[in-house]
Amino acid sequence: MTAVDGPTRTDAAPRAGRAFLAVLGRDLFVTGRELPVFLAQVLLQPLFLLFVFGKILTEIGAANAGYSRLLFPGIIALTTVLTGLQATALPLVLDFSFSREIEDRLLAPLPIMAVAVEKMAFATIRAVVAAAVMFPLGYWILGSLSIHPDGVPLLVVTIVVGSVLGSAVGMTLGTFVPPTRINIMFALVLTPLIFTGCTQYPWPSLSHLRWFQVLTLVNPLTYVSETMRGAIVPDSPHLQAAITVPVMLAATALFVVLGMIGFRRRAVD
């Protein structure tokens, strides 16, 4: 029996792994070359929210002096989730409709699902970087930051999980929403996502607005914000991590599955 030349099944996994790292490295290299543009794109909105709500309102007496401590964790959560969402949703709409760049990715020696994972991994890294940059900027704007040392492990986990959650939500929206409706989608999704995600207020403080308090529980950003608040300022009112972490992980798993299904459907079509 003669041997058959060509790649074997045992060669497929290493080849796919090298291709995955090559594609991811290319995306990171492009982002590195455009780092100022990337930072301006993802940090401008949270910086202005932090400056106006955390600095201006407290200095003019419209908010109490301790409000910035409650606001800062929510802004970190907002930065984390929105950066991941935007880094997948908009590029996917362009790739599948106008630029057709996704066809080059699908021709690489990678399974279809590995291309989707690379997209989410890239968006997750961008979101983690954006969240990390917010800490020195927050210190610069607010003048001081109070981070409880015991909460650092939970803080790191929340940033990573929140980044994956944001990228998975972006993958879901970018693959299920038709390209012609993407502008309407952002108008209908982003504004409610921002203002019902407990980023500017702790969830327990809504006890006198019960209907709105219940409404915020539908927003996955709420659980990222409350977990972040518990990690950074554990003495403040917040939902306990025993509640928020399982829900945050479940929401992440749900949107990862939905995003994968949507990506496969669009790729095959």
Foldseek 3Di string as FASTA:
>chain_A
DDDDDDDDPVVLVVQQVVLLVVVLVVLVVVCVVVVVVLLCVLPVVLLVVLQVQVPVCCVVVVDPNCLSQLQLLLSLLVSQQQQLLVQQQVVLLCCLPPPVPVVVVPPRSHDLLSSLVSSLVSSLVSSLVNSVVVVVSSCVRNVDFFFDPVLVVLLVVLSNLSNLLSNLLNLLNNLPPHSVCVVVVCVVPVVCLSPLQCNSHALVVCPVVVVSSVVSVVRLSVLSSQSSSCSGPVVDDHDDCVPSVVVSNVSSVVSNVSSSVSSVVSVVD
